[in-house]
Amino acid sequence: MPATAEIRRHWDRVASLNCILTGRFAEIAHCHSGSMLLLPPEFHPGVAQKQNDWLVLPLAPEIHRIGPDSLDGGSAKDWEAHWGYTQLELLQELSGMLGYSVYEKAGISPGLVSGLIANLQPRLA
């Protein structure tokens, strides 16, 4: 199914931001695996399946897709450990930057996500 006009506007807004981790030029990166597996199954389809179009981050190309240490090039769990942030946390930060909840737009309760993030904190500290 093609992206709706609302999704395309969201992608344009996200892509217009600098990389959420480095501040450099960014492109949109669909979130997958790693901490995303804590969400209900309908929000983390299998490998090579359509990901939720609201759950994207602004990432520099080398952090997103280029090389073995990129989000798409290796293990999302290892990627999160390397950067010290989970995709869930980065999406929450992005929501603040955008002024709307990407979780609500995706049909996910922000309260559910806040609880998941709170449970992750001791492991990331």
PDB file of N, CA and C in Angstrom:
ATOM      1  N   MET A   1       0.851  -1.179   0.000  1.00  0.00           N
ATOM      2  CA  MET A   1       0.000   0.000   0.000  1.00  0.00           C
ATOM      3  C   MET A   1       0.895   1.240   0.000  1.00  0.00           C
ATOM      4  N   PRO A   2       0.644   2.187  -0.907  1.00  0.00           N
ATOM      5  CA  PRO A   2       1.470   3.387  -0.974  1.00  0.00           C
ATOM      6  C   PRO A   2       1.270   4.271   0.262  1.00  0.00           C
ATOM      7  N   ALA A   3       2.281   5.068   0.562  1.00  0.00           N
ATOM      8  CA  ALA A   3       2.210   5.977   1.701  1.00  0.00           C
ATOM      9  C   ALA A   3       1.148   7.038   1.463  1.00  0.00           C
ATOM     10  N   THR A   4       0.423   7.370   2.515  1.00  0.00           N
ATOM     11  CA  THR A   4      -0.585   8.422   2.425  1.00  0.00           C
ATOM     12  C   THR A   4       0.093   9.783   2.412  1.00  0.00           C
ATOM     13  N   ALA A   5      -0.677  10.811   2.082  1.00  0.00           N
ATOM     14  CA  ALA A   5      -0.140  12.177   2.098  1.00  0.00           C
ATOM     15  C   ALA A   5       0.319  12.542   3.513  1.00  0.00           C
ATOM     16  N   GLU A   6      -0.414  12.093   4.532  1.00  0.00           N
ATOM     17  CA  GLU A   6      -0.037  12.395   5.912  1.00  0.00           C
ATOM     18  C   GLU A   6       1.306  11.743   6.264  1.00  0.00           C
ATOM     19  N   ILE A   7       1.492  10.511   5.843  1.00  0.00           N
ATOM     20  CA  ILE A   7       2.765   9.813   6.095  1.00  0.00           C
ATOM     21  C   ILE A   7       3.904  10.519   5.354  1.00  0.00           C
ATOM     22  N   ARG A   8       3.678  10.905   4.110  1.00  0.00           N
ATOM     23  CA  ARG A   8       4.719  11.592   3.347  1.00  0.00           C
ATOM     24  C   ARG A   8       5.113  12.916   4.010  1.00  0.00           C
ATOM     25  N   ARG A   9       4.123  13.646   4.554  1.00  0.00           N
ATOM     26  CA  ARG A   9       4.432  14.880   5.280  1.00  0.00           C
ATOM     27  C   ARG A   9       5.272  14.565   6.520  1.00  0.00           C
ATOM     28  N   HIS A  10       4.909  13.479   7.225  1.00  0.00           N
ATOM     29  CA  HIS A  10       5.670  13.067   8.406  1.00  0.00           C
ATOM     30  C   HIS A  10       7.112  12.739   8.006  1.00  0.00           C
ATOM     31  N   TRP A  11       7.286  11.941   6.968  1.00  0.00           N
ATOM     32  CA  TRP A  11       8.634  11.600   6.501  1.00  0.00           C
ATOM     33  C   TRP A  11       9.430  12.852   6.131  1.00  0.00           C
ATOM     34  N   ASP A  12       8.784  13.802   5.457  1.00  0.00           N
ATOM     35  CA  ASP A  12       9.467  15.044   5.079  1.00  0.00           C
ATOM     36  C   ASP A  12       9.925  15.807   6.314  1.00  0.00           C
ATOM     37  N   ARG A  13       9.070  15.857   7.340  1.00  0.00           N
ATOM     38  CA  ARG A  13       9.450  16.561   8.578  1.00  0.00           C
ATOM     39  C   ARG A  13      10.621  15.865   9.252  1.00  0.00           C
ATOM     40  N   VAL A  14      10.559  14.538   9.319  1.00  0.00           N
ATOM     41  CA  VAL A  14      11.640  13.785   9.965  1.00  0.00           C
ATOM     42  C   VAL A  14      12.935  13.939   9.166  1.00  0.00           C
ATOM     43  N   ALA A  15      12.843  13.827   7.855  1.00  0.00           N
ATOM     44  CA  ALA A  15      14.035  13.927   7.007  1.00  0.00           C
ATOM     45  C   ALA A  15      14.645  15.324   7.052  1.00  0.00           C
ATOM     46  N   SER A  16      13.844  16.338   7.365  1.00  0.00           N
ATOM     47  CA  SER A  16      14.365  17.708   7.417  1.00  0.00           C
ATOM     48  C   SER A  16      15.188  17.962   8.679  1.00  0.00           C
ATOM     49  N   LEU A  17      15.111  17.066   9.645  1.00  0.00           N
ATOM     50  CA  LEU A  17      15.885  17.198  10.883  1.00  0.00           C
ATOM     51  C   LEU A  17      17.289  16.649  10.662  1.00  0.00           C
ATOM     52  N   ASN A  18      18.192  17.055  11.492  1.00  0.00           N
ATOM     53  CA  ASN A  18      19.523  16.447  11.486  1.00  0.00           C
ATOM     54  C   ASN A  18      19.447  15.107  12.205  1.00  0.00           C
ATOM     55  N   CYS A  19      20.479  14.305  12.037  1.00  0.00           N
ATOM     56  CA  CYS A  19      20.549  12.995  12.684  1.00  0.00           C
ATOM     57  C   CYS A  19      20.345  13.160  14.188  1.00  0.00           C
ATOM     58  N   ILE A  20      19.464  12.367  14.750  1.00  0.00           N
ATOM     59  CA  ILE A  20      19.124  12.454  16.167  1.00  0.00           C
ATOM     60  C   ILE A  20      20.297  12.054  17.065  1.00  0.00           C
ATOM     61  N   LEU A  21      21.273  11.366  16.508  1.00  0.00           N
ATOM     62  CA  LEU A  21      22.431  10.928  17.292  1.00  0.00           C
ATOM     63  C   LEU A  21      23.690  11.765  17.059  1.00  0.00           C
ATOM     64  N   THR A  22      23.886  12.255  15.845  1.00  0.00           N
ATOM     65  CA  THR A  22      25.144  12.946  15.530  1.00  0.00           C
ATOM     66  C   THR A  22      24.970  14.409  15.138  1.00  0.00           C
ATOM     67  N   GLY A  23      23.758  14.804  14.786  1.00  0.00           N
ATOM     68  CA  GLY A  23      23.536  16.176  14.332  1.00  0.00           C
ATOM     69  C   GLY A  23      23.898  16.420  12.884  1.00  0.00           C
ATOM     70  N   ARG A  24      24.315  15.375  12.166  1.00  0.00           N
ATOM     71  CA  ARG A  24      24.680  15.508  10.750  1.00  0.00           C
ATOM     72  C   ARG A  24      23.452  15.324   9.856  1.00  0.00           C
ATOM     73  N   PHE A  25      23.679  15.465   8.546  1.00  0.00           N
ATOM     74  CA  PHE A  25      22.617  15.223   7.563  1.00  0.00           C
ATOM     75  C   PHE A  25      21.927  13.897   7.857  1.00  0.00           C
ATOM     76  N   ALA A  26      20.606  13.844   7.682  1.00  0.00           N
ATOM     77  CA  ALA A  26      19.860  12.625   8.008  1.00  0.00           C
ATOM     78  C   ALA A  26      18.918  12.210   6.883  1.00  0.00           C
ATOM     79  N   GLU A  27      18.581  10.939   6.929  1.00  0.00           N
ATOM     80  CA  GLU A  27      17.542  10.355   6.089  1.00  0.00           C
ATOM     81  C   GLU A  27      16.628   9.584   7.027  1.00  0.00           C
ATOM     82  N   ILE A  28      15.440   9.211   6.545  1.00  0.00           N
ATOM     83  CA  ILE A  28      14.552   8.464   7.432  1.00  0.00           C
ATOM     84  C   ILE A  28      14.977   7.001   7.500  1.00  0.00           C
ATOM     85  N   ALA A  29      14.849   6.449   8.695  1.00  0.00           N
ATOM     86  CA  ALA A  29      15.185   5.044   8.930  1.00  0.00           C
ATOM     87  C   ALA A  29      14.032   4.406   9.688  1.00  0.00           C
ATOM     88  N   HIS A  30      13.449   3.371   9.108  1.00  0.00           N
ATOM     89  CA  HIS A  30      12.388   2.645   9.807  1.00  0.00           C
ATOM     90  C   HIS A  30      12.970   1.875  10.986  1.00  0.00           C
ATOM     91  N   CYS A  31      12.309   1.982  12.128  1.00  0.00           N
ATOM     92  CA  CYS A  31      12.742   1.260  13.323  1.00  0.00           C
ATOM     93  C   CYS A  31      12.332  -0.205  13.215  1.00  0.00           C
ATOM     94  N   HIS A  32      13.191  -1.091  13.727  1.00  0.00           N
ATOM     95  CA  HIS A  32      12.917  -2.519  13.675  1.00  0.00           C
ATOM     96  C   HIS A  32      13.786  -3.258  14.670  1.00  0.00           C
ATOM     97  N   SER A  33      13.352  -4.413  15.066  1.00  0.00           N
ATOM     98  CA  SER A  33      14.103  -5.311  15.947  1.00  0.00           C
ATOM     99  C   SER A  33      14.529  -4.607  17.231  1.00  0.00           C
ATOM    100  N   GLY A  34      15.505  -5.130  17.935  1.00  0.00           N
ATOM    101  CA  GLY A  34      15.981  -4.526  19.173  1.00  0.00           C
ATOM    102  C   GLY A  34      14.845  -4.251  20.140  1.00  0.00           C
ATOM    103  N   SER A  35      14.805  -3.050  20.695  1.00  0.00           N
ATOM    104  CA  SER A  35      13.769  -2.680  21.669  1.00  0.00           C
ATOM    105  C   SER A  35      12.375  -2.674  21.061  1.00  0.00           C
ATOM    106  N   MET A  36      12.272  -2.562  19.761  1.00  0.00           N
ATOM    107  CA  MET A  36      10.960  -2.554  19.102  1.00  0.00           C
ATOM    108  C   MET A  36      10.220  -3.874  19.334  1.00  0.00           C
ATOM    109  N   LEU A  37      10.955  -4.929  19.615  1.00  0.00           N
ATOM    110  CA  LEU A  37      10.327  -6.236  19.864  1.00  0.00           C
ATOM    111  C   LEU A  37       9.557  -6.262  21.170  1.00  0.00           C
ATOM    112  N   LEU A  38       9.711  -5.232  22.002  1.00  0.00           N
ATOM    113  CA  LEU A  38       8.940  -5.140  23.238  1.00  0.00           C
ATOM    114  C   LEU A  38       7.510  -4.665  22.987  1.00  0.00           C
ATOM    115  N   LEU A  39       7.270  -4.054  21.837  1.00  0.00           N
ATOM    116  CA  LEU A  39       5.930  -3.607  21.477  1.00  0.00           C
ATOM    117  C   LEU A  39       5.063  -4.810  21.121  1.00  0.00           C
ATOM    118  N   PRO A  40       3.734  -4.637  21.150  1.00  0.00           N
ATOM    119  CA  PRO A  40       2.864  -5.739  20.707  1.00  0.00           C
ATOM    120  C   PRO A  40       3.243  -6.193  19.299  1.00  0.00           C
ATOM    121  N   PRO A  41       3.058  -7.476  19.002  1.00  0.00           N
ATOM    122  CA  PRO A  41       3.523  -8.058  17.729  1.00  0.00           C
ATOM    123  C   PRO A  41       3.069  -7.321  16.467  1.00  0.00           C
ATOM    124  N   GLU A  42       1.890  -6.718  16.485  1.00  0.00           N
ATOM    125  CA  GLU A  42       1.415  -6.040  15.274  1.00  0.00           C
ATOM    126  C   GLU A  42       2.253  -4.808  14.925  1.00  0.00           C
ATOM    127  N   PHE A  43       3.113  -4.373  15.848  1.00  0.00           N
ATOM    128  CA  PHE A  43       3.941  -3.201  15.600  1.00  0.00           C
ATOM    129  C   PHE A  43       5.389  -3.546  15.276  1.00  0.00           C
ATOM    130  N   HIS A  44       5.709  -4.829  15.174  1.00  0.00           N
ATOM    131  CA  HIS A  44       7.054  -5.226  14.749  1.00  0.00           C
ATOM    132  C   HIS A  44       6.962  -6.463  13.868  1.00  0.00           C
ATOM    133  N   PRO A  45       6.598  -6.236  12.597  1.00  0.00           N
ATOM    134  CA  PRO A  45       6.520  -7.362  11.665  1.00  0.00           C
ATOM    135  C   PRO A  45       7.891  -8.001  11.475  1.00  0.00           C
ATOM    136  N   GLY A  46       7.903  -9.137  10.849  1.00  0.00           N
ATOM    137  CA  GLY A  46       9.143  -9.886  10.669  1.00  0.00           C
ATOM    138  C   GLY A  46      10.141  -9.214   9.743  1.00  0.00           C
ATOM    139  N   VAL A  47      11.292  -9.798   9.657  1.00  0.00           N
ATOM    140  CA  VAL A  47      12.370  -9.307   8.806  1.00  0.00           C
ATOM    141  C   VAL A  47      11.882  -9.225   7.369  1.00  0.00           C
ATOM    142  N   ALA A  48      12.263  -8.161   6.697  1.00  0.00           N
ATOM    143  CA  ALA A  48      11.932  -7.919   5.286  1.00  0.00           C
ATOM    144  C   ALA A  48      10.428  -7.742   5.058  1.00  0.00           C
ATOM    145  N   GLN A  49       9.677  -7.460   6.137  1.00  0.00           N
ATOM    146  CA  GLN A  49       8.256  -7.154   5.997  1.00  0.00           C
ATOM    147  C   GLN A  49       8.039  -5.676   6.262  1.00  0.00           C
ATOM    148  N   LYS A  50       6.921  -5.160   5.775  1.00  0.00           N
ATOM    149  CA  LYS A  50       6.604  -3.737   5.893  1.00  0.00           C
ATOM    150  C   LYS A  50       6.595  -3.297   7.349  1.00  0.00           C
ATOM    151  N   GLN A  51       7.413  -2.296   7.670  1.00  0.00           N
ATOM    152  CA  GLN A  51       7.473  -1.723   9.010  1.00  0.00           C
ATOM    153  C   GLN A  51       6.473  -0.572   9.109  1.00  0.00           C
ATOM    154  N   ASN A  52       6.160  -0.158  10.334  1.00  0.00           N
ATOM    155  CA  ASN A  52       5.222   0.940  10.543  1.00  0.00           C
ATOM    156  C   ASN A  52       5.839   2.251  10.052  1.00  0.00           C
ATOM    157  N   ASP A  53       5.133   2.939   9.183  1.00  0.00           N
ATOM    158  CA  ASP A  53       5.657   4.148   8.558  1.00  0.00           C
ATOM    159  C   ASP A  53       5.747   5.350   9.494  1.00  0.00           C
ATOM    160  N   TRP A  54       5.088   5.300  10.632  1.00  0.00           N
ATOM    161  CA  TRP A  54       5.200   6.388  11.610  1.00  0.00           C
ATOM    162  C   TRP A  54       6.457   6.233  12.461  1.00  0.00           C
ATOM    163  N   LEU A  55       6.961   5.019  12.581  1.00  0.00           N
ATOM    164  CA  LEU A  55       8.074   4.738  13.482  1.00  0.00           C
ATOM    165  C   LEU A  55       9.397   4.807  12.733  1.00  0.00           C
ATOM    166  N   VAL A  56       9.767   6.033  12.365  1.00  0.00           N
ATOM    167  CA  VAL A  56      11.006   6.296  11.641  1.00  0.00           C
ATOM    168  C   VAL A  56      11.830   7.315  12.411  1.00  0.00           C
ATOM    169  N   LEU A  57      13.140   7.230  12.262  1.00  0.00           N
ATOM    170  CA  LEU A  57      14.070   8.150  12.907  1.00  0.00           C
ATOM    171  C   LEU A  57      14.899   8.890  11.875  1.00  0.00           C
ATOM    172  N   PRO A  58      15.344  10.116  12.195  1.00  0.00           N
ATOM    173  CA  PRO A  58      16.302  10.790  11.320  1.00  0.00           C
ATOM    174  C   PRO A  58      17.717  10.316  11.676  1.00  0.00           C
ATOM    175  N   LEU A  59      18.314   9.544  10.794  1.00  0.00           N
ATOM    176  CA  LEU A  59      19.649   9.002  11.043  1.00  0.00           C
ATOM    177  C   LEU A  59      20.584   9.335   9.887  1.00  0.00           C
ATOM    178  N   ALA A  60      21.840   9.602  10.204  1.00  0.00           N
ATOM    179  CA  ALA A  60      22.860   9.777   9.172  1.00  0.00           C
ATOM    180  C   ALA A  60      22.967   8.469   8.381  1.00  0.00           C
ATOM    181  N   PRO A  61      23.240   8.528   7.085  1.00  0.00           N
ATOM    182  CA  PRO A  61      23.287   7.311   6.268  1.00  0.00           C
ATOM    183  C   PRO A  61      24.195   6.218   6.832  1.00  0.00           C
ATOM    184  N   GLU A  62      25.366   6.589   7.349  1.00  0.00           N
ATOM    185  CA  GLU A  62      26.282   5.564   7.858  1.00  0.00           C
ATOM    186  C   GLU A  62      25.765   4.920   9.151  1.00  0.00           C
ATOM    187  N   ILE A  63      24.907   5.603   9.861  1.00  0.00           N
ATOM    188  CA  ILE A  63      24.314   5.039  11.078  1.00  0.00           C
ATOM    189  C   ILE A  63      23.073   4.214  10.724  1.00  0.00           C
ATOM    190  N   HIS A  64      22.426   4.601   9.644  1.00  0.00           N
ATOM    191  CA  HIS A  64      21.215   3.920   9.208  1.00  0.00           C
ATOM    192  C   HIS A  64      21.496   2.644   8.413  1.00  0.00           C
ATOM    193  N   ARG A  65      22.294   2.753   7.315  1.00  0.00           N
ATOM    194  CA  ARG A  65      22.316   1.639   6.363  1.00  0.00           C
ATOM    195  C   ARG A  65      23.679   1.289   5.779  1.00  0.00           C
ATOM    196  N   ILE A  66      24.703   2.054   6.080  1.00  0.00           N
ATOM    197  CA  ILE A  66      26.000   1.812   5.451  1.00  0.00           C
ATOM    198  C   ILE A  66      26.945   1.164   6.456  1.00  0.00           C
ATOM    199  N   GLY A  67      27.372  -0.033   6.160  1.00  0.00           N
ATOM    200  CA  GLY A  67      28.367  -0.693   7.003  1.00  0.00           C
ATOM    201  C   GLY A  67      27.789  -1.670   8.007  1.00  0.00           C
ATOM    202  N   PRO A  68      28.637  -2.498   8.554  1.00  0.00           N
ATOM    203  CA  PRO A  68      28.192  -3.559   9.455  1.00  0.00           C
ATOM    204  C   PRO A  68      27.684  -3.059  10.806  1.00  0.00           C
ATOM    205  N   ASP A  69      28.035  -1.828  11.184  1.00  0.00           N
ATOM    206  CA  ASP A  69      27.587  -1.284  12.467  1.00  0.00           C
ATOM    207  C   ASP A  69      26.351  -0.408  12.334  1.00  0.00           C
ATOM    208  N   SER A  70      25.781  -0.348  11.142  1.00  0.00           N
ATOM    209  CA  SER A  70      24.582   0.462  10.930  1.00  0.00           C
ATOM    210  C   SER A  70      23.352  -0.294  11.431  1.00  0.00           C
ATOM    211  N   LEU A  71      22.268   0.430  11.626  1.00  0.00           N
ATOM    212  CA  LEU A  71      21.024  -0.183  12.099  1.00  0.00           C
ATOM    213  C   LEU A  71      20.576  -1.302  11.168  1.00  0.00           C
ATOM    214  N   ASP A  72      20.653  -1.076   9.869  1.00  0.00           N
ATOM    215  CA  ASP A  72      20.218  -2.084   8.902  1.00  0.00           C
ATOM    216  C   ASP A  72      21.307  -3.100   8.567  1.00  0.00           C
ATOM    217  N   GLY A  73      22.549  -2.827   8.949  1.00  0.00           N
ATOM    218  CA  GLY A  73      23.659  -3.700   8.573  1.00  0.00           C
ATOM    219  C   GLY A  73      24.048  -4.732   9.607  1.00  0.00           C
ATOM    220  N   GLY A  74      23.510  -4.609  10.788  1.00  0.00           N
ATOM    221  CA  GLY A  74      23.886  -5.548  11.853  1.00  0.00           C
ATOM    222  C   GLY A  74      22.722  -5.811  12.779  1.00  0.00           C
ATOM    223  N   SER A  75      23.038  -6.079  14.010  1.00  0.00           N
ATOM    224  CA  SER A  75      22.033  -6.369  15.025  1.00  0.00           C
ATOM    225  C   SER A  75      21.498  -5.064  15.618  1.00  0.00           C
ATOM    226  N   ALA A  76      20.176  -4.888  15.614  1.00  0.00           N
ATOM    227  CA  ALA A  76      19.579  -3.683  16.203  1.00  0.00           C
ATOM    228  C   ALA A  76      19.871  -3.617  17.701  1.00  0.00           C
ATOM    229  N   LYS A  77      19.905  -4.756  18.347  1.00  0.00           N
ATOM    230  CA  LYS A  77      20.213  -4.783  19.783  1.00  0.00           C
ATOM    231  C   LYS A  77      21.638  -4.280  20.025  1.00  0.00           C
ATOM    232  N   ASP A  78      22.595  -4.723  19.223  1.00  0.00           N
ATOM    233  CA  ASP A  78      23.974  -4.252  19.344  1.00  0.00           C
ATOM    234  C   ASP A  78      24.072  -2.763  19.009  1.00  0.00           C
ATOM    235  N   TRP A  79      23.319  -2.327  17.996  1.00  0.00           N
ATOM    236  CA  TRP A  79      23.293  -0.924  17.603  1.00  0.00           C
ATOM    237  C   TRP A  79      22.818  -0.063  18.767  1.00  0.00           C
ATOM    238  N   GLU A  80      21.745  -0.490  19.422  1.00  0.00           N
ATOM    239  CA  GLU A  80      21.224   0.256  20.573  1.00  0.00           C
ATOM    240  C   GLU A  80      22.254   0.293  21.710  1.00  0.00           C
ATOM    241  N   ALA A  81      22.914  -0.814  21.957  1.00  0.00           N
ATOM    242  CA  ALA A  81      23.935  -0.856  23.017  1.00  0.00           C
ATOM    243  C   ALA A  81      25.099   0.076  22.675  1.00  0.00           C
ATOM    244  N   HIS A  82      25.499   0.090  21.412  1.00  0.00           N
ATOM    245  CA  HIS A  82      26.598   0.955  20.983  1.00  0.00           C
ATOM    246  C   HIS A  82      26.275   2.426  21.227  1.00  0.00           C
ATOM    247  N   TRP A  83      25.071   2.858  20.858  1.00  0.00           N
ATOM    248  CA  TRP A  83      24.697   4.261  20.967  1.00  0.00           C
ATOM    249  C   TRP A  83      24.201   4.631  22.360  1.00  0.00           C
ATOM    250  N   GLY A  84      23.831   3.644  23.172  1.00  0.00           N
ATOM    251  CA  GLY A  84      23.372   3.926  24.528  1.00  0.00           C
ATOM    252  C   GLY A  84      21.930   4.385  24.619  1.00  0.00           C
ATOM    253  N   TYR A  85      21.201   4.268  23.527  1.00  0.00           N
ATOM    254  CA  TYR A  85      19.783   4.621  23.477  1.00  0.00           C
ATOM    255  C   TYR A  85      19.041   3.531  22.733  1.00  0.00           C
ATOM    256  N   THR A  86      17.817   3.271  23.153  1.00  0.00           N
ATOM    257  CA  THR A  86      16.992   2.340  22.397  1.00  0.00           C
ATOM    258  C   THR A  86      16.214   3.113  21.337  1.00  0.00           C
ATOM    259  N   GLN A  87      15.741   2.391  20.357  1.00  0.00           N
ATOM    260  CA  GLN A  87      14.896   3.020  19.346  1.00  0.00           C
ATOM    261  C   GLN A  87      13.635   3.574  19.995  1.00  0.00           C
ATOM    262  N   LEU A  88      13.107   2.875  21.015  1.00  0.00           N
ATOM    263  CA  LEU A  88      11.926   3.364  21.723  1.00  0.00           C
ATOM    264  C   LEU A  88      12.194   4.737  22.331  1.00  0.00           C
ATOM    265  N   GLU A  89      13.350   4.905  22.954  1.00  0.00           N
ATOM    266  CA  GLU A  89      13.708   6.199  23.557  1.00  0.00           C
ATOM    267  C   GLU A  89      13.895   7.274  22.492  1.00  0.00           C
ATOM    268  N   LEU A  90      14.551   6.919  21.407  1.00  0.00           N
ATOM    269  CA  LEU A  90      14.791   7.899  20.351  1.00  0.00           C
ATOM    270  C   LEU A  90      13.487   8.343  19.694  1.00  0.00           C
ATOM    271  N   LEU A  91      12.537   7.429  19.536  1.00  0.00           N
ATOM    272  CA  LEU A  91      11.231   7.799  18.983  1.00  0.00           C
ATOM    273  C   LEU A  91      10.485   8.719  19.941  1.00  0.00           C
ATOM    274  N   GLN A  92      10.633   8.493  21.235  1.00  0.00           N
ATOM    275  CA  GLN A  92      10.006   9.375  22.217  1.00  0.00           C
ATOM    276  C   GLN A  92      10.632  10.775  22.136  1.00  0.00           C
ATOM    277  N   GLU A  93      11.943  10.834  22.016  1.00  0.00           N
ATOM    278  CA  GLU A  93      12.641  12.116  21.849  1.00  0.00           C
ATOM    279  C   GLU A  93      12.186  12.799  20.564  1.00  0.00           C
ATOM    280  N   LEU A  94      12.093  12.046  19.488  1.00  0.00           N
ATOM    281  CA  LEU A  94      11.637  12.586  18.211  1.00  0.00           C
ATOM    282  C   LEU A  94      10.233  13.174  18.340  1.00  0.00           C
ATOM    283  N   SER A  95       9.363  12.495  19.062  1.00  0.00           N
ATOM    284  CA  SER A  95       7.999  13.000  19.257  1.00  0.00           C
ATOM    285  C   SER A  95       8.017  14.397  19.860  1.00  0.00           C
ATOM    286  N   GLY A  96       8.902  14.601  20.846  1.00  0.00           N
ATOM    287  CA  GLY A  96       9.026  15.928  21.440  1.00  0.00           C
ATOM    288  C   GLY A  96       9.510  16.963  20.441  1.00  0.00           C
ATOM    289  N   MET A  97      10.421  16.570  19.588  1.00  0.00           N
ATOM    290  CA  MET A  97      10.952  17.479  18.573  1.00  0.00           C
ATOM    291  C   MET A  97       9.882  17.851  17.547  1.00  0.00           C
ATOM    292  N   LEU A  98       9.025  16.894  17.210  1.00  0.00           N
ATOM    293  CA  LEU A  98       8.002  17.113  16.190  1.00  0.00           C
ATOM    294  C   LEU A  98       6.760  17.800  16.742  1.00  0.00           C
ATOM    295  N   GLY A  99       6.533  17.674  18.049  1.00  0.00           N
ATOM    296  CA  GLY A  99       5.337  18.254  18.643  1.00  0.00           C
ATOM    297  C   GLY A  99       4.114  17.357  18.554  1.00  0.00           C
ATOM    298  N   TYR A 100       4.304  16.111  18.201  1.00  0.00           N
ATOM    299  CA  TYR A 100       3.222  15.119  18.209  1.00  0.00           C
ATOM    300  C   TYR A 100       3.826  13.751  18.484  1.00  0.00           C
ATOM    301  N   SER A 101       2.998  12.866  19.017  1.00  0.00           N
ATOM    302  CA  SER A 101       3.480  11.531  19.367  1.00  0.00           C
ATOM    303  C   SER A 101       3.449  10.610  18.154  1.00  0.00           C
ATOM    304  N   VAL A 102       4.618  10.144  17.756  1.00  0.00           N
ATOM    305  CA  VAL A 102       4.656   9.174  16.664  1.00  0.00           C
ATOM    306  C   VAL A 102       4.011   7.866  17.107  1.00  0.00           C
ATOM    307  N   TYR A 103       4.052   7.594  18.396  1.00  0.00           N
ATOM    308  CA  TYR A 103       3.408   6.380  18.906  1.00  0.00           C
ATOM    309  C   TYR A 103       1.897   6.465  18.745  1.00  0.00           C
ATOM    310  N   GLU A 104       1.307   7.605  19.116  1.00  0.00           N
ATOM    311  CA  GLU A 104      -0.143   7.767  18.934  1.00  0.00           C
ATOM    312  C   GLU A 104      -0.512   7.661  17.461  1.00  0.00           C
ATOM    313  N   LYS A 105       0.275   8.286  16.603  1.00  0.00           N
ATOM    314  CA  LYS A 105       0.001   8.226  15.165  1.00  0.00           C
ATOM    315  C   LYS A 105       0.047   6.782  14.663  1.00  0.00           C
ATOM    316  N   ALA A 106       0.926   5.968  15.252  1.00  0.00           N
ATOM    317  CA  ALA A 106       1.054   4.560  14.853  1.00  0.00           C
ATOM    318  C   ALA A 106      -0.005   3.683  15.511  1.00  0.00           C
ATOM    319  N   GLY A 107      -0.778   4.255  16.439  1.00  0.00           N
ATOM    320  CA  GLY A 107      -1.810   3.481  17.123  1.00  0.00           C
ATOM    321  C   GLY A 107      -1.315   2.781  18.379  1.00  0.00           C
ATOM    322  N   ILE A 108      -0.218   3.272  18.942  1.00  0.00           N
ATOM    323  CA  ILE A 108       0.377   2.684  20.141  1.00  0.00           C
ATOM    324  C   ILE A 108       0.177   3.642  21.306  1.00  0.00           C
ATOM    325  N   SER A 109      -0.243   3.138  22.434  1.00  0.00           N
ATOM    326  CA  SER A 109      -0.436   3.963  23.622  1.00  0.00           C
ATOM    327  C   SER A 109       0.902   4.514  24.116  1.00  0.00           C
ATOM    328  N   PRO A 110       1.035   5.853  24.213  1.00  0.00           N
ATOM    329  CA  PRO A 110       2.264   6.419  24.769  1.00  0.00           C
ATOM    330  C   PRO A 110       2.535   5.921  26.192  1.00  0.00           C
ATOM    331  N   GLY A 111       1.472   5.631  26.946  1.00  0.00           N
ATOM    332  CA  GLY A 111       1.645   5.094  28.297  1.00  0.00           C
ATOM    333  C   GLY A 111       2.324   3.739  28.282  1.00  0.00           C
ATOM    334  N   LEU A 112       1.956   2.903  27.325  1.00  0.00           N
ATOM    335  CA  LEU A 112       2.603   1.600  27.181  1.00  0.00           C
ATOM    336  C   LEU A 112       4.097   1.789  26.928  1.00  0.00           C
ATOM    337  N   VAL A 113       4.418   2.701  26.034  1.00  0.00           N
ATOM    338  CA  VAL A 113       5.818   2.935  25.676  1.00  0.00           C
ATOM    339  C   VAL A 113       6.589   3.499  26.867  1.00  0.00           C
ATOM    340  N   SER A 114       5.991   4.434  27.593  1.00  0.00           N
ATOM    341  CA  SER A 114       6.664   5.002  28.768  1.00  0.00           C
ATOM    342  C   SER A 114       6.981   3.915  29.781  1.00  0.00           C
ATOM    343  N   GLY A 115       6.054   2.978  29.974  1.00  0.00           N
ATOM    344  CA  GLY A 115       6.302   1.861  30.882  1.00  0.00           C
ATOM    345  C   GLY A 115       7.432   0.968  30.399  1.00  0.00           C
ATOM    346  N   LEU A 116       7.461   0.704  29.112  1.00  0.00           N
ATOM    347  CA  LEU A 116       8.540  -0.118  28.550  1.00  0.00           C
ATOM    348  C   LEU A 116       9.886   0.569  28.725  1.00  0.00           C
ATOM    349  N   ILE A 117       9.922   1.870  28.461  1.00  0.00           N
ATOM    350  CA  ILE A 117      11.180   2.613  28.602  1.00  0.00           C
ATOM    351  C   ILE A 117      11.626   2.648  30.052  1.00  0.00           C
ATOM    352  N   ALA A 118      10.696   2.835  30.970  1.00  0.00           N
ATOM    353  CA  ALA A 118      11.035   2.864  32.391  1.00  0.00           C
ATOM    354  C   ALA A 118      11.657   1.538  32.815  1.00  0.00           C
ATOM    355  N   ASN A 119      11.165   0.439  32.265  1.00  0.00           N
ATOM    356  CA  ASN A 119      11.718  -0.877  32.595  1.00  0.00           C
ATOM    357  C   ASN A 119      13.087  -1.092  31.965  1.00  0.00           C
ATOM    358  N   LEU A 120      13.399  -0.378  30.901  1.00  0.00           N
ATOM    359  CA  LEU A 120      14.700  -0.503  30.240  1.00  0.00           C
ATOM    360  C   LEU A 120      15.791   0.274  30.967  1.00  0.00           C
ATOM    361  N   GLN A 121      15.435   1.339  31.634  1.00  0.00           N
ATOM    362  CA  GLN A 121      16.417   2.250  32.216  1.00  0.00           C
ATOM    363  C   GLN A 121      17.504   1.565  33.045  1.00  0.00           C
ATOM    364  N   PRO A 122      17.172   0.662  33.946  1.00  0.00           N
ATOM    365  CA  PRO A 122      18.261   0.047  34.723  1.00  0.00           C
ATOM    366  C   PRO A 122      19.261  -0.706  33.859  1.00  0.00           C
ATOM    367  N   ARG A 123      18.803  -1.270  32.731  1.00  0.00           N
ATOM    368  CA  ARG A 123      19.703  -2.029  31.872  1.00  0.00           C
ATOM    369  C   ARG A 123      20.629  -1.124  31.073  1.00  0.00           C
ATOM    370  N   LEU A 124      20.181   0.120  30.825  1.00  0.00           N
ATOM    371  CA  LEU A 124      20.995   1.033  30.021  1.00  0.00           C
ATOM    372  C   LEU A 124      21.932   1.887  30.858  1.00  0.00           C
ATOM    373  N   ALA A 125      21.648   1.979  32.131  1.00  0.00           N
ATOM    374  CA  ALA A 125      22.470   2.851  33.004  1.00  0.00           C
ATOM    375  C   ALA A 125      23.845   2.301  33.221  1.00  0.00           C
TER     376      ALA A 125
END
